[in-house]
Amino acid sequence: MTKKERVLAVMKKQPVDQVPAGFWFHYKPDYSVQQMIDAHMELFRKTDMDIIKIMQDYPYPISGEITCADDWYKIQVKGTDSEEFAKMAEIIRGIRKEAGDDVLIFQTMFGPFKAASMTFGDDVLMKYSKEAPEAVAAGVKIIADGLEQWTRGYLEAGADGIYYSAQFGELGRFEKEEWEKLVRPSDLQILGVAESTAEKYNILHICGEPEYEFKTHVDWFKDYPADLINWSVKDNHFTLEEGRELYSSAILGGMNNKGNVLKGPKEAIEAEVKAILDAFGTTGIMIGADCTIQGENISLDYIKTAVDAAHGYVK
């Protein structure tokens, strides 16, 4: 099997010749296009992982100033004719040229709500979400309309799909009814692009925030359109086996992103991968981490150890 065939088989919950794996981490936001291409290709080549996830480490070009509720109606988002989008599209095309067609490439997308938080601040976003939810919903819809076009542009540039970071479902942030009105519609708007496009795919990452101890309502996302789904097992105390019961999608993940794959030793990494696959089996799973690998001295050798352990797994 090629890497692409292997991951597609996982998405369809079909048998694979070996269990695939994928890991990632953030890069410096001042990297040039070529530096971003080189960094992603180094990770891919040195670890032999099975997909390429392109990090969104540049800010979205969203403008406006929020001093009152009416300001949410005045937000602006640059389109796919902007230099900011052109940079990301060039990275996708460059990685595709170097990686070839036998591996799936996913572009990271942050949700419109998270994009608003990054632009205007979480405190501002939450304040107006409680005091003027209709205004916030209108502003987030402006962002979602812009990012929907970015998503289409990413796919046209050569990405096979979107790795969507779904946030704002954290425990203590919103009641479910609030979340359904404010957050869910823009999530589904972005996820709907790949869902409705032939041979394009969604990886859904249910992401928490540190100020909420990374705990999130994992069940709120159970009907989101996804071909692979990922969440923090350690932070939510929600196992892969429980996820298999809740979600219809195949699963990506299982490993502590701040644990063995970051700190080693290699024997512990190998044991962790084996334990995951002993418990879950080898169908409908790609080994990965709870989230991006986070911490000092990230080691490509340790990541390769995890990938090799997945590829060589025998019960």
C-alpha atoms as a PDB file:
ATOM      1  CA  MET A   1       0.000   0.000   0.000  1.00  0.00           C
ATOM      2  CA  THR A   2       1.073   3.583  -0.587  1.00  0.00           C
ATOM      3  CA  LYS A   3       0.751   5.996   2.321  1.00  0.00           C
ATOM      4  CA  LYS A   4      -2.317   7.495   0.658  1.00  0.00           C
ATOM      5  CA  GLU A   5      -3.952   4.091   0.167  1.00  0.00           C
ATOM      6  CA  ARG A   6      -3.179   3.154   3.766  1.00  0.00           C
ATOM      7  CA  VAL A   7      -4.786   6.252   5.278  1.00  0.00           C
ATOM      8  CA  LEU A   8      -7.813   6.028   2.994  1.00  0.00           C
ATOM      9  CA  ALA A   9      -8.259   2.412   4.094  1.00  0.00           C
ATOM     10  CA  VAL A  10      -8.214   3.536   7.725  1.00  0.00           C
ATOM     11  CA  MET A  11     -10.886   6.138   6.955  1.00  0.00           C
ATOM     12  CA  LYS A  12     -13.051   3.383   5.465  1.00  0.00           C
ATOM     13  CA  LYS A  13     -12.256   1.040   8.379  1.00  0.00           C
ATOM     14  CA  GLN A  14     -10.728  -1.474   6.020  1.00  0.00           C
ATOM     15  CA  PRO A  15      -7.694  -3.720   6.700  1.00  0.00           C
ATOM     16  CA  VAL A  16      -4.251  -2.155   6.249  1.00  0.00           C
ATOM     17  CA  ASP A  17      -0.827  -3.643   5.549  1.00  0.00           C
ATOM     18  CA  GLN A  18       0.541  -1.712   8.534  1.00  0.00           C
ATOM     19  CA  VAL A  19      -0.927   0.783  10.988  1.00  0.00           C
ATOM     20  CA  PRO A  20      -0.250   4.348   9.789  1.00  0.00           C
ATOM     21  CA  ALA A  21       0.911   7.188  12.022  1.00  0.00           C
ATOM     22  CA  GLY A  22       1.195  10.974  11.978  1.00  0.00           C
ATOM     23  CA  PHE A  23       2.556  13.626  14.372  1.00  0.00           C
ATOM     24  CA  TRP A  24       3.155  17.398  14.190  1.00  0.00           C
ATOM     25  CA  PHE A  25       4.295  20.467  16.072  1.00  0.00           C
ATOM     26  CA  HIS A  26       4.342  24.227  15.589  1.00  0.00           C
ATOM     27  CA  TYR A  27       6.919  26.250  13.664  1.00  0.00           C
ATOM     28  CA  LYS A  28       8.105  29.832  13.997  1.00  0.00           C
ATOM     29  CA  PRO A  29       5.575  32.327  12.599  1.00  0.00           C
ATOM     30  CA  ASP A  30       8.355  34.282  10.899  1.00  0.00           C
ATOM     31  CA  TYR A  31       9.366  31.325   8.702  1.00  0.00           C
ATOM     32  CA  SER A  32       9.516  32.067   4.994  1.00  0.00           C
ATOM     33  CA  VAL A  33       7.570  29.968   2.505  1.00  0.00           C
ATOM     34  CA  GLN A  34      10.618  27.863   1.712  1.00  0.00           C
ATOM     35  CA  GLN A  35      11.484  27.403   5.379  1.00  0.00           C
ATOM     36  CA  MET A  36       7.959  26.128   6.010  1.00  0.00           C
ATOM     37  CA  ILE A  37       8.186  23.725   3.075  1.00  0.00           C
ATOM     38  CA  ASP A  38      11.586  22.485   4.211  1.00  0.00           C
ATOM     39  CA  ALA A  39      10.469  22.014   7.826  1.00  0.00           C
ATOM     40  CA  HIS A  40       7.412  19.979   6.882  1.00  0.00           C
ATOM     41  CA  MET A  41       9.346  17.849   4.421  1.00  0.00           C
ATOM     42  CA  GLU A  42      12.101  17.166   6.959  1.00  0.00           C
ATOM     43  CA  LEU A  43       9.521  15.859   9.432  1.00  0.00           C
ATOM     44  CA  PHE A  44       7.871  13.730   6.754  1.00  0.00           C
ATOM     45  CA  ARG A  45      11.067  12.272   5.309  1.00  0.00           C
ATOM     46  CA  LYS A  46      12.957  11.621   8.533  1.00  0.00           C
ATOM     47  CA  THR A  47      10.070   9.924  10.344  1.00  0.00           C
ATOM     48  CA  ASP A  48       8.395   8.078   7.433  1.00  0.00           C
ATOM     49  CA  MET A  49       4.969   9.106   8.735  1.00  0.00           C
ATOM     50  CA  ASP A  50       1.909   8.531   6.590  1.00  0.00           C
ATOM     51  CA  ILE A  51       0.331  11.963   6.125  1.00  0.00           C
ATOM     52  CA  ILE A  52       1.472  15.571   5.941  1.00  0.00           C
ATOM     53  CA  LYS A  53      -0.378  18.089   8.088  1.00  0.00           C
ATOM     54  CA  ILE A  54       0.519  21.667   7.201  1.00  0.00           C
ATOM     55  CA  MET A  55       0.550  23.894  10.263  1.00  0.00           C
ATOM     56  CA  GLN A  56      -1.324  27.223  10.289  1.00  0.00           C
ATOM     57  CA  ASP A  57       1.342  29.224  12.072  1.00  0.00           C
ATOM     58  CA  TYR A  58       0.587  32.542  10.371  1.00  0.00           C
ATOM     59  CA  PRO A  59      -2.285  34.716  11.659  1.00  0.00           C
ATOM     60  CA  TYR A  60      -5.435  35.065   9.574  1.00  0.00           C
ATOM     61  CA  PRO A  61      -5.768  38.563   8.060  1.00  0.00           C
ATOM     62  CA  ILE A  62      -8.821  39.700  10.017  1.00  0.00           C
ATOM     63  CA  SER A  63      -9.264  43.392  10.777  1.00  0.00           C
ATOM     64  CA  GLY A  64     -11.485  45.469  13.000  1.00  0.00           C
ATOM     65  CA  GLU A  65     -11.598  46.868  16.511  1.00  0.00           C
ATOM     66  CA  ILE A  66     -14.143  45.737  19.072  1.00  0.00           C
ATOM     67  CA  THR A  67     -15.129  48.555  21.423  1.00  0.00           C
ATOM     68  CA  CYS A  68     -18.889  47.950  21.396  1.00  0.00           C
ATOM     69  CA  ALA A  69     -21.342  45.306  20.193  1.00  0.00           C
ATOM     70  CA  ASP A  70     -21.950  47.046  16.854  1.00  0.00           C
ATOM     71  CA  ASP A  71     -18.269  46.623  15.945  1.00  0.00           C
ATOM     72  CA  TRP A  72     -18.832  42.896  15.374  1.00  0.00           C
ATOM     73  CA  TYR A  73     -20.815  43.781  12.251  1.00  0.00           C
ATOM     74  CA  LYS A  74     -17.824  45.659  10.799  1.00  0.00           C
ATOM     75  CA  ILE A  75     -15.195  42.915  10.825  1.00  0.00           C
ATOM     76  CA  GLN A  76     -13.329  42.341   7.568  1.00  0.00           C
ATOM     77  CA  VAL A  77     -11.402  39.319   6.290  1.00  0.00           C
ATOM     78  CA  LYS A  78      -8.975  39.430   3.405  1.00  0.00           C
ATOM     79  CA  GLY A  79      -9.830  37.052   0.574  1.00  0.00           C
ATOM     80  CA  THR A  80      -7.958  34.538  -1.527  1.00  0.00           C
ATOM     81  CA  ASP A  81      -6.511  37.398  -3.579  1.00  0.00           C
ATOM     82  CA  SER A  82      -4.452  38.500  -0.554  1.00  0.00           C
ATOM     83  CA  GLU A  83      -0.726  38.006  -0.029  1.00  0.00           C
ATOM     84  CA  GLU A  84      -1.495  36.138   3.180  1.00  0.00           C
ATOM     85  CA  PHE A  85      -3.485  33.501   1.344  1.00  0.00           C
ATOM     86  CA  ALA A  86      -0.965  33.404  -1.492  1.00  0.00           C
ATOM     87  CA  LYS A  87       1.757  32.463   1.021  1.00  0.00           C
ATOM     88  CA  MET A  88      -0.230  29.493   2.326  1.00  0.00           C
ATOM     89  CA  ALA A  89      -1.181  28.338  -1.172  1.00  0.00           C
ATOM     90  CA  GLU A  90       2.476  28.476  -2.201  1.00  0.00           C
ATOM     91  CA  ILE A  91       3.406  26.298   0.782  1.00  0.00           C
ATOM     92  CA  ILE A  92       0.781  23.724  -0.189  1.00  0.00           C
ATOM     93  CA  ARG A  93       1.963  23.646  -3.793  1.00  0.00           C
ATOM     94  CA  GLY A  94       5.599  23.417  -2.729  1.00  0.00           C
ATOM     95  CA  ILE A  95       4.968  20.517  -0.357  1.00  0.00           C
ATOM     96  CA  ARG A  96       2.871  18.721  -2.952  1.00  0.00           C
ATOM     97  CA  LYS A  97       5.635  19.098  -5.531  1.00  0.00           C
ATOM     98  CA  GLU A  98       8.228  17.596  -3.190  1.00  0.00           C
ATOM     99  CA  ALA A  99       6.048  14.931  -1.566  1.00  0.00           C
ATOM    100  CA  GLY A 100       4.344  13.671  -4.717  1.00  0.00           C
ATOM    101  CA  ASP A 101       0.847  12.275  -5.056  1.00  0.00           C
ATOM    102  CA  ASP A 102       1.139   9.121  -2.929  1.00  0.00           C
ATOM    103  CA  VAL A 103       0.568  10.885   0.385  1.00  0.00           C
ATOM    104  CA  LEU A 104      -2.432  12.844   1.648  1.00  0.00           C
ATOM    105  CA  ILE A 105      -1.795  16.483   2.543  1.00  0.00           C
ATOM    106  CA  PHE A 106      -4.034  18.271   5.056  1.00  0.00           C
ATOM    107  CA  GLN A 107      -4.123  21.997   5.679  1.00  0.00           C
ATOM    108  CA  THR A 108      -4.768  23.049   9.271  1.00  0.00           C
ATOM    109  CA  MET A 109      -7.770  25.324   9.765  1.00  0.00           C
ATOM    110  CA  PHE A 110      -8.720  27.040  12.997  1.00  0.00           C
ATOM    111  CA  GLY A 111     -12.433  27.578  13.456  1.00  0.00           C
ATOM    112  CA  PRO A 112     -13.926  31.043  12.890  1.00  0.00           C
ATOM    113  CA  PHE A 113     -14.588  31.385  16.620  1.00  0.00           C
ATOM    114  CA  LYS A 114     -10.940  30.673  17.390  1.00  0.00           C
ATOM    115  CA  ALA A 115      -9.889  33.066  14.634  1.00  0.00           C
ATOM    116  CA  ALA A 116     -11.974  35.761  16.347  1.00  0.00           C
ATOM    117  CA  SER A 117     -10.351  34.935  19.669  1.00  0.00           C
ATOM    118  CA  MET A 118      -6.852  35.157  18.209  1.00  0.00           C
ATOM    119  CA  THR A 119      -7.672  38.514  16.598  1.00  0.00           C
ATOM    120  CA  PHE A 120      -9.609  40.299  19.333  1.00  0.00           C
ATOM    121  CA  GLY A 121      -8.720  38.351  22.473  1.00  0.00           C
ATOM    122  CA  ASP A 122     -10.532  35.587  24.305  1.00  0.00           C
ATOM    123  CA  ASP A 123     -11.769  37.888  27.067  1.00  0.00           C
ATOM    124  CA  VAL A 124     -13.368  40.239  24.541  1.00  0.00           C
ATOM    125  CA  LEU A 125     -14.944  37.384  22.600  1.00  0.00           C
ATOM    126  CA  MET A 126     -16.408  35.737  25.699  1.00  0.00           C
ATOM    127  CA  LYS A 127     -17.652  39.064  27.127  1.00  0.00           C
ATOM    128  CA  TYR A 128     -19.677  39.881  24.029  1.00  0.00           C
ATOM    129  CA  SER A 129     -20.752  36.261  23.526  1.00  0.00           C
ATOM    130  CA  LYS A 130     -22.591  36.594  26.834  1.00  0.00           C
ATOM    131  CA  GLU A 131     -23.724  40.225  26.482  1.00  0.00           C
ATOM    132  CA  ALA A 132     -24.450  40.495  22.748  1.00  0.00           C
ATOM    133  CA  PRO A 133     -24.574  36.993  21.233  1.00  0.00           C
ATOM    134  CA  GLU A 134     -26.386  38.113  18.074  1.00  0.00           C
ATOM    135  CA  ALA A 135     -23.640  40.614  17.291  1.00  0.00           C
ATOM    136  CA  VAL A 136     -20.917  38.027  17.905  1.00  0.00           C
ATOM    137  CA  ALA A 137     -22.748  35.516  15.708  1.00  0.00           C
ATOM    138  CA  ALA A 138     -22.850  38.090  12.905  1.00  0.00           C
ATOM    139  CA  GLY A 139     -19.137  38.835  13.247  1.00  0.00           C
ATOM    140  CA  VAL A 140     -18.192  35.166  13.342  1.00  0.00           C
ATOM    141  CA  LYS A 141     -20.316  34.616  10.211  1.00  0.00           C
ATOM    142  CA  ILE A 142     -18.256  37.267   8.407  1.00  0.00           C
ATOM    143  CA  ILE A 143     -15.104  35.395   9.405  1.00  0.00           C
ATOM    144  CA  ALA A 144     -16.630  32.047   8.428  1.00  0.00           C
ATOM    145  CA  ASP A 145     -17.607  33.332   4.981  1.00  0.00           C
ATOM    146  CA  GLY A 146     -14.023  34.472   4.441  1.00  0.00           C
ATOM    147  CA  LEU A 147     -12.453  31.266   5.736  1.00  0.00           C
ATOM    148  CA  GLU A 148     -14.841  29.182   3.657  1.00  0.00           C
ATOM    149  CA  GLN A 149     -13.270  30.744   0.570  1.00  0.00           C
ATOM    150  CA  TRP A 150      -9.806  30.105   2.020  1.00  0.00           C
ATOM    151  CA  THR A 151     -10.762  26.455   2.529  1.00  0.00           C
ATOM    152  CA  ARG A 152     -11.843  26.106  -1.095  1.00  0.00           C
ATOM    153  CA  GLY A 153      -8.620  27.791  -2.134  1.00  0.00           C
ATOM    154  CA  TYR A 154      -6.526  25.386  -0.080  1.00  0.00           C
ATOM    155  CA  LEU A 155      -8.181  22.409  -1.755  1.00  0.00           C
ATOM    156  CA  GLU A 156      -7.688  23.943  -5.179  1.00  0.00           C
ATOM    157  CA  ALA A 157      -3.999  24.531  -4.375  1.00  0.00           C
ATOM    158  CA  GLY A 158      -3.507  20.810  -3.847  1.00  0.00           C
ATOM    159  CA  ALA A 159      -4.526  19.936  -0.285  1.00  0.00           C
ATOM    160  CA  ASP A 160      -6.435  16.668   0.009  1.00  0.00           C
ATOM    161  CA  GLY A 161      -8.410  17.952   2.932  1.00  0.00           C
ATOM    162  CA  ILE A 162      -8.653  20.042   6.059  1.00  0.00           C
ATOM    163  CA  TYR A 163      -7.355  19.305   9.540  1.00  0.00           C
ATOM    164  CA  TYR A 164      -9.946  21.267  11.484  1.00  0.00           C
ATOM    165  CA  SER A 165      -9.242  22.404  15.027  1.00  0.00           C
ATOM    166  CA  ALA A 166     -12.654  22.612  16.703  1.00  0.00           C
ATOM    167  CA  GLN A 167     -12.513  24.639  19.899  1.00  0.00           C
ATOM    168  CA  PHE A 168     -14.878  26.472  22.242  1.00  0.00           C
ATOM    169  CA  GLY A 169     -16.619  23.323  23.458  1.00  0.00           C
ATOM    170  CA  GLU A 170     -14.609  23.423  26.694  1.00  0.00           C
ATOM    171  CA  LEU A 171     -16.253  22.603  30.005  1.00  0.00           C
ATOM    172  CA  GLY A 172     -17.408  25.802  31.686  1.00  0.00           C
ATOM    173  CA  ARG A 173     -17.256  28.033  28.615  1.00  0.00           C
ATOM    174  CA  PHE A 174     -20.759  27.749  27.111  1.00  0.00           C
ATOM    175  CA  GLU A 175     -23.967  25.939  27.854  1.00  0.00           C
ATOM    176  CA  LYS A 176     -24.780  23.532  25.037  1.00  0.00           C
ATOM    177  CA  GLU A 177     -27.633  25.684  23.722  1.00  0.00           C
ATOM    178  CA  GLU A 178     -25.321  28.697  23.534  1.00  0.00           C
ATOM    179  CA  TRP A 179     -22.653  26.650  21.773  1.00  0.00           C
ATOM    180  CA  GLU A 180     -25.153  25.304  19.252  1.00  0.00           C
ATOM    181  CA  LYS A 181     -26.187  28.839  18.307  1.00  0.00           C
ATOM    182  CA  LEU A 182     -22.798  30.544  18.391  1.00  0.00           C
ATOM    183  CA  VAL A 183     -20.066  28.032  17.563  1.00  0.00           C
ATOM    184  CA  ARG A 184     -21.484  24.998  15.776  1.00  0.00           C
ATOM    185  CA  PRO A 185     -22.833  26.783  12.638  1.00  0.00           C
ATOM    186  CA  SER A 186     -19.445  28.212  11.637  1.00  0.00           C
ATOM    187  CA  ASP A 187     -17.713  24.882  12.332  1.00  0.00           C
ATOM    188  CA  LEU A 188     -20.116  23.088  10.032  1.00  0.00           C
ATOM    189  CA  GLN A 189     -19.778  25.793   7.390  1.00  0.00           C
ATOM    190  CA  ILE A 190     -16.030  25.162   7.090  1.00  0.00           C
ATOM    191  CA  LEU A 191     -16.217  21.385   7.440  1.00  0.00           C
ATOM    192  CA  GLY A 192     -18.904  21.324   4.766  1.00  0.00           C
ATOM    193  CA  VAL A 193     -16.440  22.420   2.074  1.00  0.00           C
ATOM    194  CA  ALA A 194     -14.402  19.214   1.973  1.00  0.00           C
ATOM    195  CA  GLU A 195     -17.441  17.118   2.833  1.00  0.00           C
ATOM    196  CA  SER A 196     -19.182  18.307  -0.330  1.00  0.00           C
ATOM    197  CA  THR A 197     -16.097  18.044  -2.582  1.00  0.00           C
ATOM    198  CA  ALA A 198     -15.220  14.778  -4.304  1.00  0.00           C
ATOM    199  CA  GLU A 199     -12.110  13.028  -2.980  1.00  0.00           C
ATOM    200  CA  LYS A 200     -11.510  15.634  -0.273  1.00  0.00           C
ATOM    201  CA  TYR A 201     -11.465  14.786   3.418  1.00  0.00           C
ATOM    202  CA  ASN A 202     -11.850  16.199   6.934  1.00  0.00           C
ATOM    203  CA  ILE A 203      -9.749  15.369   9.967  1.00  0.00           C
ATOM    204  CA  LEU A 204     -11.534  16.733  13.033  1.00  0.00           C
ATOM    205  CA  HIS A 205      -9.397  17.650  16.039  1.00  0.00           C
ATOM    206  CA  ILE A 206     -11.478  18.374  19.123  1.00  0.00           C
ATOM    207  CA  CYS A 207      -9.175  20.827  20.856  1.00  0.00           C
ATOM    208  CA  GLY A 208      -9.262  22.225  24.369  1.00  0.00           C
ATOM    209  CA  GLU A 209      -7.727  25.395  25.785  1.00  0.00           C
ATOM    210  CA  PRO A 210      -5.184  25.583  28.634  1.00  0.00           C
ATOM    211  CA  GLU A 211      -7.312  27.965  30.708  1.00  0.00           C
ATOM    212  CA  TYR A 212     -10.001  25.241  30.691  1.00  0.00           C
ATOM    213  CA  GLU A 213      -7.454  22.482  31.462  1.00  0.00           C
ATOM    214  CA  PHE A 214      -7.949  21.173  27.900  1.00  0.00           C
ATOM    215  CA  LYS A 215     -11.219  19.530  28.955  1.00  0.00           C
ATOM    216  CA  THR A 216     -14.007  19.682  26.395  1.00  0.00           C
ATOM    217  CA  HIS A 217     -17.442  18.240  25.715  1.00  0.00           C
ATOM    218  CA  VAL A 218     -16.288  15.519  23.346  1.00  0.00           C
ATOM    219  CA  ASP A 219     -19.868  14.312  22.830  1.00  0.00           C
ATOM    220  CA  TRP A 220     -21.020  17.645  21.370  1.00  0.00           C
ATOM    221  CA  PHE A 221     -19.039  16.942  18.187  1.00  0.00           C
ATOM    222  CA  LYS A 222     -20.245  13.415  17.545  1.00  0.00           C
ATOM    223  CA  ASP A 223     -22.152  14.250  14.338  1.00  0.00           C
ATOM    224  CA  TYR A 224     -19.570  16.621  12.835  1.00  0.00           C
ATOM    225  CA  PRO A 225     -18.547  15.458   9.331  1.00  0.00           C
ATOM    226  CA  ALA A 226     -15.127  13.838   9.686  1.00  0.00           C
ATOM    227  CA  ASP A 227     -13.177  11.020   8.070  1.00  0.00           C
ATOM    228  CA  LEU A 228     -10.780  10.860  11.012  1.00  0.00           C
ATOM    229  CA  ILE A 229     -11.379  12.228  14.486  1.00  0.00           C
ATOM    230  CA  ASN A 230      -8.860  13.162  17.191  1.00  0.00           C
ATOM    231  CA  TRP A 231      -9.152  14.345  20.799  1.00  0.00           C
ATOM    232  CA  SER A 232      -7.060  14.450  23.958  1.00  0.00           C
ATOM    233  CA  VAL A 233      -7.445  11.086  25.613  1.00  0.00           C
ATOM    234  CA  LYS A 234      -5.403  12.048  28.682  1.00  0.00           C
ATOM    235  CA  ASP A 235      -7.125  15.381  29.362  1.00  0.00           C
ATOM    236  CA  ASN A 236     -10.697  14.203  28.836  1.00  0.00           C
ATOM    237  CA  HIS A 237     -10.304  10.714  30.307  1.00  0.00           C
ATOM    238  CA  PHE A 238     -12.131   9.487  27.221  1.00  0.00           C
ATOM    239  CA  THR A 239     -10.525   6.399  25.729  1.00  0.00           C
ATOM    240  CA  LEU A 240     -10.132   5.456  22.085  1.00  0.00           C
ATOM    241  CA  GLU A 241     -12.477   2.542  22.690  1.00  0.00           C
ATOM    242  CA  GLU A 242     -15.141   4.904  24.084  1.00  0.00           C
ATOM    243  CA  GLY A 243     -14.596   7.119  21.048  1.00  0.00           C
ATOM    244  CA  ARG A 244     -15.182   4.198  18.737  1.00  0.00           C
ATOM    245  CA  GLU A 245     -18.579   3.735  20.368  1.00  0.00           C
ATOM    246  CA  LEU A 246     -19.503   7.426  20.184  1.00  0.00           C
ATOM    247  CA  TYR A 247     -18.195   8.467  16.759  1.00  0.00           C
ATOM    248  CA  SER A 248     -18.858   6.957  13.352  1.00  0.00           C
ATOM    249  CA  SER A 249     -15.476   8.203  12.082  1.00  0.00           C
ATOM    250  CA  ALA A 250     -12.184   6.366  12.130  1.00  0.00           C
ATOM    251  CA  ILE A 251      -9.790   7.510  14.852  1.00  0.00           C
ATOM    252  CA  LEU A 252      -6.451   9.309  14.952  1.00  0.00           C
ATOM    253  CA  GLY A 253      -4.460   9.567  18.162  1.00  0.00           C
ATOM    254  CA  GLY A 254      -3.952   7.767  21.433  1.00  0.00           C
ATOM    255  CA  MET A 255      -0.524   9.025  22.534  1.00  0.00           C
ATOM    256  CA  ASN A 256       0.213  11.635  25.188  1.00  0.00           C
ATOM    257  CA  ASN A 257       1.532  14.652  23.243  1.00  0.00           C
ATOM    258  CA  LYS A 258       3.566  15.799  26.260  1.00  0.00           C
ATOM    259  CA  GLY A 259       4.735  12.350  27.334  1.00  0.00           C
ATOM    260  CA  ASN A 260       6.926   9.634  25.890  1.00  0.00           C
ATOM    261  CA  VAL A 261       6.899  10.878  22.309  1.00  0.00           C
ATOM    262  CA  LEU A 262       8.394  14.134  23.598  1.00  0.00           C
ATOM    263  CA  LYS A 263      10.635  12.899  26.416  1.00  0.00           C
ATOM    264  CA  GLY A 264      11.462   9.286  25.556  1.00  0.00           C
ATOM    265  CA  PRO A 265      13.001   6.864  26.087  1.00  0.00           C
ATOM    266  CA  LYS A 266      12.420   4.885  22.918  1.00  0.00           C
ATOM    267  CA  GLU A 267      11.422   1.769  24.841  1.00  0.00           C
ATOM    268  CA  ALA A 268       8.593   3.693  26.520  1.00  0.00           C
ATOM    269  CA  ILE A 269       7.395   5.025  23.169  1.00  0.00           C
ATOM    270  CA  GLU A 270       7.313   1.530  21.701  1.00  0.00           C
ATOM    271  CA  ALA A 271       5.462   0.191  24.741  1.00  0.00           C
ATOM    272  CA  GLU A 272       2.878   2.984  24.574  1.00  0.00           C
ATOM    273  CA  VAL A 273       2.125   2.311  20.898  1.00  0.00           C
ATOM    274  CA  LYS A 274       1.866  -1.419  21.524  1.00  0.00           C
ATOM    275  CA  ALA A 275      -0.530  -0.921  24.434  1.00  0.00           C
ATOM    276  CA  ILE A 276      -2.775   1.312  22.324  1.00  0.00           C
ATOM    277  CA  LEU A 277      -3.002  -1.191  19.487  1.00  0.00           C
ATOM    278  CA  ASP A 278      -3.310  -4.207  21.808  1.00  0.00           C
ATOM    279  CA  ALA A 279      -6.414  -2.583  23.285  1.00  0.00           C
ATOM    280  CA  PHE A 280      -7.940  -1.068  20.141  1.00  0.00           C
ATOM    281  CA  GLY A 281      -6.908  -3.366  17.314  1.00  0.00           C
ATOM    282  CA  THR A 282      -5.555  -2.331  13.924  1.00  0.00           C
ATOM    283  CA  THR A 283      -8.689  -1.405  11.991  1.00  0.00           C
ATOM    284  CA  GLY A 284      -9.975   2.156  11.768  1.00  0.00           C
ATOM    285  CA  ILE A 285      -7.057   3.737  13.622  1.00  0.00           C
ATOM    286  CA  MET A 286      -4.049   5.887  12.822  1.00  0.00           C
ATOM    287  CA  ILE A 287      -1.549   6.353  15.638  1.00  0.00           C
ATOM    288  CA  GLY A 288      -1.014   9.983  16.608  1.00  0.00           C
ATOM    289  CA  ALA A 289      -0.949  12.259  19.642  1.00  0.00           C
ATOM    290  CA  ASP A 290      -3.592  14.009  21.736  1.00  0.00           C
ATOM    291  CA  CYS A 291      -2.638  17.305  20.085  1.00  0.00           C
ATOM    292  CA  THR A 292       0.480  18.913  18.615  1.00  0.00           C
ATOM    293  CA  ILE A 293       3.641  17.749  20.349  1.00  0.00           C
ATOM    294  CA  GLN A 294       4.389  20.493  22.872  1.00  0.00           C
ATOM    295  CA  GLY A 295       7.522  21.136  24.871  1.00  0.00           C
ATOM    296  CA  GLU A 296      11.250  21.697  24.634  1.00  0.00           C
ATOM    297  CA  ASN A 297      13.649  19.681  22.470  1.00  0.00           C
ATOM    298  CA  ILE A 298      11.153  17.915  20.213  1.00  0.00           C
ATOM    299  CA  SER A 299      12.968  14.923  18.737  1.00  0.00           C
ATOM    300  CA  LEU A 300      12.395  13.604  15.232  1.00  0.00           C
ATOM    301  CA  ASP A 301      14.078  10.379  16.377  1.00  0.00           C
ATOM    302  CA  TYR A 302      11.422   9.892  19.057  1.00  0.00           C
ATOM    303  CA  ILE A 303       8.658  10.617  16.536  1.00  0.00           C
ATOM    304  CA  LYS A 304      10.218   8.118  14.128  1.00  0.00           C
ATOM    305  CA  THR A 305      10.266   5.548  16.929  1.00  0.00           C
ATOM    306  CA  ALA A 306       6.501   5.959  17.359  1.00  0.00           C
ATOM    307  CA  VAL A 307       5.909   5.731  13.607  1.00  0.00           C
ATOM    308  CA  ASP A 308       8.110   2.636  13.315  1.00  0.00           C
ATOM    309  CA  ALA A 309       6.318   1.024  16.258  1.00  0.00           C
ATOM    310  CA  ALA A 310       2.962   1.530  14.528  1.00  0.00           C
ATOM    311  CA  HIS A 311       4.281   0.269  11.186  1.00  0.00           C
ATOM    312  CA  GLY A 312       5.879  -2.807  12.772  1.00  0.00           C
ATOM    313  CA  TYR A 313       3.112  -3.666  15.223  1.00  0.00           C
ATOM    314  CA  VAL A 314       2.389  -7.337  15.672  1.00  0.00           C
ATOM    315  CA  LYS A 315       0.086  -8.493  18.465  1.00  0.00           C
END
